[in-house]
Amino acid sequence: MTFPLRKLALAAGCMLFAGQLLAAEEPKRPECIAPASPGGGFDLTCKLAQSALVNEKLLSKPMRVTYMPGGVGAVAYNAVVAQRPADGGTLVAWSSGSLLNLAQGKFGRFDESAVRWLAAVGTSYGAIAVKADSPYKSLDDLVKALKKDPGSVVIGSGGTVGSQDWMQTALIAKAAGINPRELRYVALEGGGEIATALLGGHIQVGSTDISDSMPHILSGDMRLLAVFSEKRLDEPEMKNIPTAKEQGYDIVWPVVRGFYLGQRSAMPTTPGGKTPSTNCWPPTSSPSCVTSASCSRSP
């Protein structure tokens, strides 16, 4: 189920801890902050890094995973910037949904330069989820219900109007000639809360992420009406999930995930004592380290 993130989540952790490990020192209290409630994509991103770093013997013990929900990452962002800017042992998970809200000024007084962006480590895709016994069997079924009465379908999304999850359903509504502002939304905090609300019958549709949904798909409790990828995903558990495009809705929505850390955290150094020119150090410290990370130059 861990989908494309399984092979990629290790990369950022390798970069973060490499300098300390080369000096034969582990971070004293390694931690990954998942800026949402348990069970969603942030949680998955941290858990994958947690297990991968131990499996690769880069850490002797699993790092803590701390949950800090609020504002699709805003609470965690402000906490790290204001209170922990020099904490080099703490990874914070981010998603493209976080970046969208940050770009809209929803993270408060801090902008994108307030942290050190470590790496984008993998891509998932947006999806529309319903309970297994839902009367909606396809996107067309859902659109017909929305056209008849937009307010009759309760849709749960991570974040408020303008968020990534809201955008996904807004694009469907626009393609169907429906005013997105007529839809009935419930703002929730990440994929974990969306799944809980959906399975509990509090919402009828979840605008979510395929990686958040797969445990519930595999258990038989949930179905996906569509995934917002270019084509069907080449994974055994996902190959039967239809795309929005094949159902006549030309919508593709990748969900990028990665890590950042405090702006003043120490950068790793090479054995000669120099700071590498990118955050992708060390390129060969582990057979599976940084194999597919998207790395950017230090700010």
Protein backbone atom coordinates (compact mmCIF):
# COMPACT_ATOMS: atom_id res chain seq x y z
CA MET A 1 0.00 0.00 0.00
CA THR A 2 2.84 2.37 0.63
CA PHE A 3 2.73 3.12 -3.09
CA PRO A 4 5.46 5.23 -4.74
CA LEU A 5 6.55 6.73 -1.41
CA ARG A 6 7.99 3.41 -0.14
CA LYS A 7 11.27 3.71 -2.08
CA LEU A 8 11.50 7.48 -1.80
CA ALA A 9 10.80 8.49 1.79
CA LEU A 10 14.26 7.41 2.93
CA ALA A 11 15.97 10.03 0.80
CA ALA A 12 15.30 13.13 2.87
CA GLY A 13 16.12 11.31 6.08
CA CYS A 14 19.48 10.28 4.64
CA MET A 15 20.23 13.90 3.83
CA LEU A 16 19.19 15.21 7.21
CA PHE A 17 21.09 12.77 9.37
CA ALA A 18 24.10 12.14 7.15
CA GLY A 19 26.43 14.73 8.67
CA GLN A 20 25.80 13.55 12.21
CA LEU A 21 26.11 9.90 11.23
CA LEU A 22 29.41 10.46 9.46
CA ALA A 23 30.64 11.97 12.72
CA ALA A 24 29.52 8.76 14.50
CA GLU A 25 26.73 10.65 16.26
CA GLU A 26 23.03 10.06 16.06
CA PRO A 27 20.59 12.89 16.66
CA LYS A 28 19.72 12.76 20.34
CA ARG A 29 15.96 13.02 19.82
CA PRO A 30 15.21 12.40 16.13
CA GLU A 31 11.65 13.29 15.31
CA CYS A 32 9.28 13.59 12.37
CA ILE A 33 6.36 15.98 12.72
CA ALA A 34 3.21 14.97 10.87
CA PRO A 35 1.18 18.19 10.68
CA ALA A 36 -2.22 16.48 10.91
CA SER A 37 -4.11 13.86 12.88
CA PRO A 38 -2.94 10.21 12.67
CA GLY A 39 -3.84 8.16 9.64
CA GLY A 40 -3.34 10.50 6.71
CA GLY A 41 -0.65 11.23 4.15
CA PHE A 42 1.56 13.21 6.52
CA ASP A 43 1.49 10.30 8.96
CA LEU A 44 2.35 7.85 6.16
CA THR A 45 5.25 10.03 4.99
CA CYS A 46 6.75 10.16 8.49
CA LYS A 47 6.15 6.46 9.17
CA LEU A 48 7.93 5.44 5.97
CA ALA A 49 10.95 7.55 6.85
CA GLN A 50 10.82 6.21 10.40
CA SER A 51 11.03 2.57 9.33
CA ALA A 52 13.41 3.13 6.42
CA LEU A 53 16.06 4.89 8.51
CA VAL A 54 16.11 2.01 10.98
CA ASN A 55 16.08 -0.66 8.27
CA GLU A 56 19.05 1.00 6.59
CA LYS A 57 20.81 1.23 9.99
CA LEU A 58 21.04 5.00 9.76
CA LEU A 59 19.28 5.17 13.13
CA SER A 60 19.49 2.58 15.88
CA LYS A 61 15.99 3.35 17.16
CA PRO A 62 12.88 4.60 15.38
CA MET A 63 12.49 8.34 15.49
CA ARG A 64 9.39 9.71 17.16
CA VAL A 65 6.40 10.67 15.06
CA THR A 66 4.63 13.68 16.55
CA TYR A 67 1.21 14.85 15.40
CA MET A 68 0.64 18.58 15.15
CA PRO A 69 -2.63 19.20 13.29
CA GLY A 70 -3.89 22.59 12.25
CA GLY A 71 -4.29 24.53 9.03
CA VAL A 72 -2.96 21.80 6.70
CA GLY A 73 0.51 22.33 8.16
CA ALA A 74 0.24 25.93 9.36
CA VAL A 75 0.46 25.12 13.08
CA ALA A 76 3.55 22.95 12.62
CA TYR A 77 5.18 25.50 10.31
CA ASN A 78 4.77 28.33 12.79
CA ALA A 79 5.93 26.15 15.69
CA VAL A 80 9.15 25.13 13.92
CA VAL A 81 9.92 28.63 12.65
CA ALA A 82 9.25 30.40 15.94
CA GLN A 83 10.35 27.82 18.49
CA ARG A 84 12.70 25.29 16.85
CA PRO A 85 14.55 26.98 13.99
CA ALA A 86 17.91 25.38 14.88
CA ASP A 87 16.65 21.86 15.65
CA GLY A 88 18.53 19.74 13.11
CA GLY A 89 17.10 16.43 14.33
CA THR A 90 13.53 17.15 13.34
CA LEU A 91 11.96 16.48 9.97
CA VAL A 92 8.59 18.01 9.14
CA ALA A 93 6.41 16.47 6.45
CA TRP A 94 4.86 18.72 3.83
CA SER A 95 2.61 18.24 0.83
CA SER A 96 1.63 20.28 -2.19
CA GLY A 97 -1.49 21.13 -0.20
CA SER A 98 0.73 22.78 2.40
CA LEU A 99 2.51 24.75 -0.32
CA LEU A 100 -0.78 25.90 -1.83
CA ASN A 101 -1.97 27.26 1.51
CA LEU A 102 1.44 28.82 2.17
CA ALA A 103 1.31 30.58 -1.20
CA GLN A 104 -2.13 31.95 -0.34
CA GLY A 105 -0.83 33.48 2.89
CA LYS A 106 -2.70 31.03 5.13
CA PHE A 107 0.38 30.22 7.23
CA GLY A 108 0.37 33.61 8.95
CA ARG A 109 3.29 36.02 9.01
CA PHE A 110 5.96 33.57 7.82
CA ASP A 111 6.66 32.99 4.13
CA GLU A 112 8.42 30.20 2.23
CA SER A 113 11.89 31.48 3.15
CA ALA A 114 11.37 30.79 6.85
CA VAL A 115 12.40 27.11 6.71
CA ARG A 116 14.97 24.92 4.95
CA TRP A 117 13.25 22.89 2.25
CA LEU A 118 15.00 19.54 2.33
CA ALA A 119 13.49 17.48 -0.50
CA ALA A 120 10.42 16.36 -2.38
CA VAL A 121 10.49 12.61 -1.97
CA GLY A 122 7.45 11.24 -3.76
CA THR A 123 4.19 11.87 -5.55
CA SER A 124 0.75 10.50 -4.85
CA TYR A 125 -2.52 11.56 -6.51
CA GLY A 126 -5.78 13.10 -5.44
CA ALA A 127 -8.87 10.93 -5.35
CA ILE A 128 -12.61 10.96 -4.67
CA ALA A 129 -13.67 8.43 -2.04
CA VAL A 130 -17.01 7.03 -0.92
CA LYS A 131 -18.11 4.28 1.47
CA ALA A 132 -18.31 0.80 0.00
CA ASP A 133 -22.13 0.86 0.12
CA SER A 134 -22.48 4.33 -1.41
CA PRO A 135 -25.08 4.71 -4.18
CA TYR A 136 -22.46 6.55 -6.24
CA LYS A 137 -20.66 4.07 -8.49
CA SER A 138 -18.87 6.54 -10.77
CA LEU A 139 -18.05 10.22 -11.11
CA ASP A 140 -21.07 10.59 -13.38
CA ASP A 141 -23.33 9.32 -10.58
CA LEU A 142 -21.87 11.90 -8.22
CA VAL A 143 -22.13 14.71 -10.77
CA LYS A 144 -25.79 13.88 -11.46
CA ALA A 145 -26.56 14.18 -7.75
CA LEU A 146 -24.67 17.47 -7.52
CA LYS A 147 -26.46 18.90 -10.55
CA LYS A 148 -29.83 17.96 -9.08
CA ASP A 149 -29.05 19.56 -5.70
CA PRO A 150 -25.49 20.71 -4.97
CA GLY A 151 -26.20 21.06 -1.27
CA SER A 152 -27.54 17.53 -0.86
CA VAL A 153 -24.12 15.86 -0.92
CA VAL A 154 -21.86 16.46 2.07
CA ILE A 155 -18.23 16.54 0.93
CA GLY A 156 -15.33 16.34 3.36
CA SER A 157 -12.03 17.92 2.42
CA GLY A 158 -8.73 18.69 4.08
CA GLY A 159 -8.81 22.43 4.63
CA THR A 160 -11.23 25.20 3.75
CA VAL A 161 -12.22 26.83 0.46
CA GLY A 162 -9.14 27.23 -1.71
CA SER A 163 -7.34 24.19 -0.29
CA GLN A 164 -5.95 21.35 -2.38
CA ASP A 165 -8.83 18.99 -1.58
CA TRP A 166 -11.36 21.74 -2.25
CA MET A 167 -9.71 22.40 -5.61
CA GLN A 168 -10.18 18.78 -6.66
CA THR A 169 -13.95 18.85 -6.23
CA ALA A 170 -14.13 22.42 -7.56
CA LEU A 171 -12.54 21.25 -10.80
CA ILE A 172 -15.12 18.46 -11.10
CA ALA A 173 -17.91 20.93 -10.43
CA LYS A 174 -16.55 23.38 -13.00
CA ALA A 175 -16.24 20.65 -15.63
CA ALA A 176 -19.88 19.74 -14.98
CA GLY A 177 -21.10 23.34 -15.10
CA ILE A 178 -21.76 23.57 -11.34
CA ASN A 179 -20.76 26.55 -9.22
CA PRO A 180 -18.20 25.13 -6.72
CA ARG A 181 -19.40 27.55 -4.05
CA GLU A 182 -22.79 25.87 -4.07
CA LEU A 183 -21.28 22.59 -2.92
CA ARG A 184 -21.61 21.61 0.72
CA TYR A 185 -18.18 21.25 2.31
CA VAL A 186 -17.00 20.13 5.71
CA ALA A 187 -13.43 21.25 6.47
CA LEU A 188 -11.39 18.48 8.09
CA GLU A 189 -7.77 18.08 9.10
CA GLY A 190 -6.13 15.69 6.65
CA GLY A 191 -6.81 12.27 5.19
CA GLY A 192 -7.16 10.52 8.55
CA GLU A 193 -10.07 12.70 9.61
CA ILE A 194 -11.64 12.47 6.14
CA ALA A 195 -11.60 8.66 6.31
CA THR A 196 -13.03 8.65 9.85
CA ALA A 197 -15.83 11.03 8.91
CA LEU A 198 -16.65 9.11 5.73
CA LEU A 199 -16.74 5.69 7.36
CA GLY A 200 -18.72 7.12 10.27
CA GLY A 201 -21.41 8.46 7.94
CA HIS A 202 -20.76 12.12 8.76
CA ILE A 203 -19.91 12.93 5.14
CA GLN A 204 -20.93 11.21 1.92
CA VAL A 205 -17.88 11.95 -0.22
CA GLY A 206 -14.24 12.49 0.65
CA SER A 207 -11.92 14.60 -1.48
CA THR A 208 -8.67 12.99 -0.51
CA ASP A 209 -5.44 11.30 -1.59
CA ILE A 210 -5.10 7.75 -2.89
CA SER A 211 -2.29 6.93 -0.44
CA ASP A 212 -4.51 7.95 2.50
CA SER A 213 -7.33 5.77 1.23
CA MET A 214 -5.67 2.48 0.35
CA PRO A 215 -5.88 0.81 3.80
CA HIS A 216 -9.64 1.33 3.73
CA ILE A 217 -9.88 0.23 0.09
CA LEU A 218 -8.06 -2.99 0.89
CA SER A 219 -10.27 -3.64 3.92
CA GLY A 220 -13.36 -3.29 1.74
CA ASP A 221 -14.79 -0.33 3.65
CA MET A 222 -14.23 2.31 0.99
CA ARG A 223 -14.22 2.76 -2.78
CA LEU A 224 -12.60 5.35 -5.01
CA LEU A 225 -14.76 6.83 -7.73
CA ALA A 226 -11.67 8.23 -9.43
CA VAL A 227 -7.99 8.93 -9.04
CA PHE A 228 -6.61 12.15 -10.54
CA SER A 229 -3.69 10.63 -12.42
CA GLU A 230 -2.89 10.69 -16.12
CA LYS A 231 -3.54 6.96 -16.42
CA ARG A 232 -4.35 4.05 -14.17
CA LEU A 233 -1.64 3.43 -11.62
CA ASP A 234 0.56 0.42 -12.21
CA GLU A 235 0.23 -1.09 -8.75
CA PRO A 236 -1.56 -4.40 -8.14
CA GLU A 237 -3.96 -2.88 -5.59
CA MET A 238 -4.67 0.20 -7.71
CA LYS A 239 -4.86 -0.93 -11.31
CA ASN A 240 -8.65 -1.30 -11.19
CA ILE A 241 -9.27 2.23 -9.91
CA PRO A 242 -10.51 4.39 -12.81
CA THR A 243 -9.06 7.80 -13.52
CA ALA A 244 -11.15 10.94 -13.84
CA LYS A 245 -9.80 11.37 -17.37
CA GLU A 246 -11.13 8.03 -18.60
CA GLN A 247 -14.55 9.03 -17.24
CA GLY A 248 -14.56 12.22 -19.29
CA TYR A 249 -13.21 14.68 -16.73
CA ASP A 250 -9.84 16.05 -17.80
CA ILE A 251 -8.45 16.52 -14.29
CA VAL A 252 -4.99 15.51 -13.08
CA TRP A 253 -3.89 16.40 -9.56
CA PRO A 254 -0.55 15.07 -8.30
CA VAL A 255 0.12 15.36 -4.57
CA VAL A 256 3.81 15.95 -3.93
CA ARG A 257 5.22 15.07 -0.50
CA GLY A 258 8.49 15.87 1.17
CA PHE A 259 10.27 17.23 4.24
CA TYR A 260 11.62 20.51 5.59
CA LEU A 261 13.46 21.49 8.76
CA GLY A 262 14.28 24.62 10.71
CA GLN A 263 16.03 27.38 8.80
CA ARG A 264 19.00 27.59 11.18
CA SER A 265 19.56 23.84 11.50
CA ALA A 266 23.14 22.83 10.68
CA MET A 267 23.78 21.52 7.20
CA PRO A 268 25.73 18.25 6.86
CA THR A 269 29.35 18.56 5.76
CA THR A 270 31.56 16.47 3.54
CA PRO A 271 34.45 14.53 5.09
CA GLY A 272 36.68 17.49 4.14
CA GLY A 273 34.55 19.82 6.23
CA LYS A 274 32.82 21.63 3.37
CA THR A 275 29.10 22.18 3.05
CA PRO A 276 27.80 20.46 -0.11
CA SER A 277 26.35 22.65 -2.84
CA THR A 278 22.95 20.96 -2.60
CA ASN A 279 20.83 19.35 0.07
CA CYS A 280 21.46 15.98 -1.61
CA TRP A 281 24.42 14.98 0.52
CA PRO A 282 25.60 12.23 0.70
CA PRO A 283 24.72 10.71 -2.66
CA THR A 284 25.99 7.22 -1.85
CA SER A 285 25.84 6.80 1.93
CA SER A 286 23.30 4.01 1.54
CA PRO A 287 22.28 1.83 -1.42
CA SER A 288 18.78 3.30 -1.37
CA CYS A 289 19.63 6.77 -0.14
CA VAL A 290 18.56 9.73 -2.30
CA THR A 291 17.91 7.53 -5.30
CA SER A 292 14.89 9.49 -6.47
CA ALA A 293 14.70 12.59 -4.32
CA SER A 294 14.01 15.92 -5.94
CA CYS A 295 16.63 18.11 -4.34
CA SER A 296 17.05 21.84 -4.36
CA ARG A 297 19.90 24.13 -3.53
CA SER A 298 20.12 25.47 -0.02
CA PRO A 299 18.37 28.80 0.45
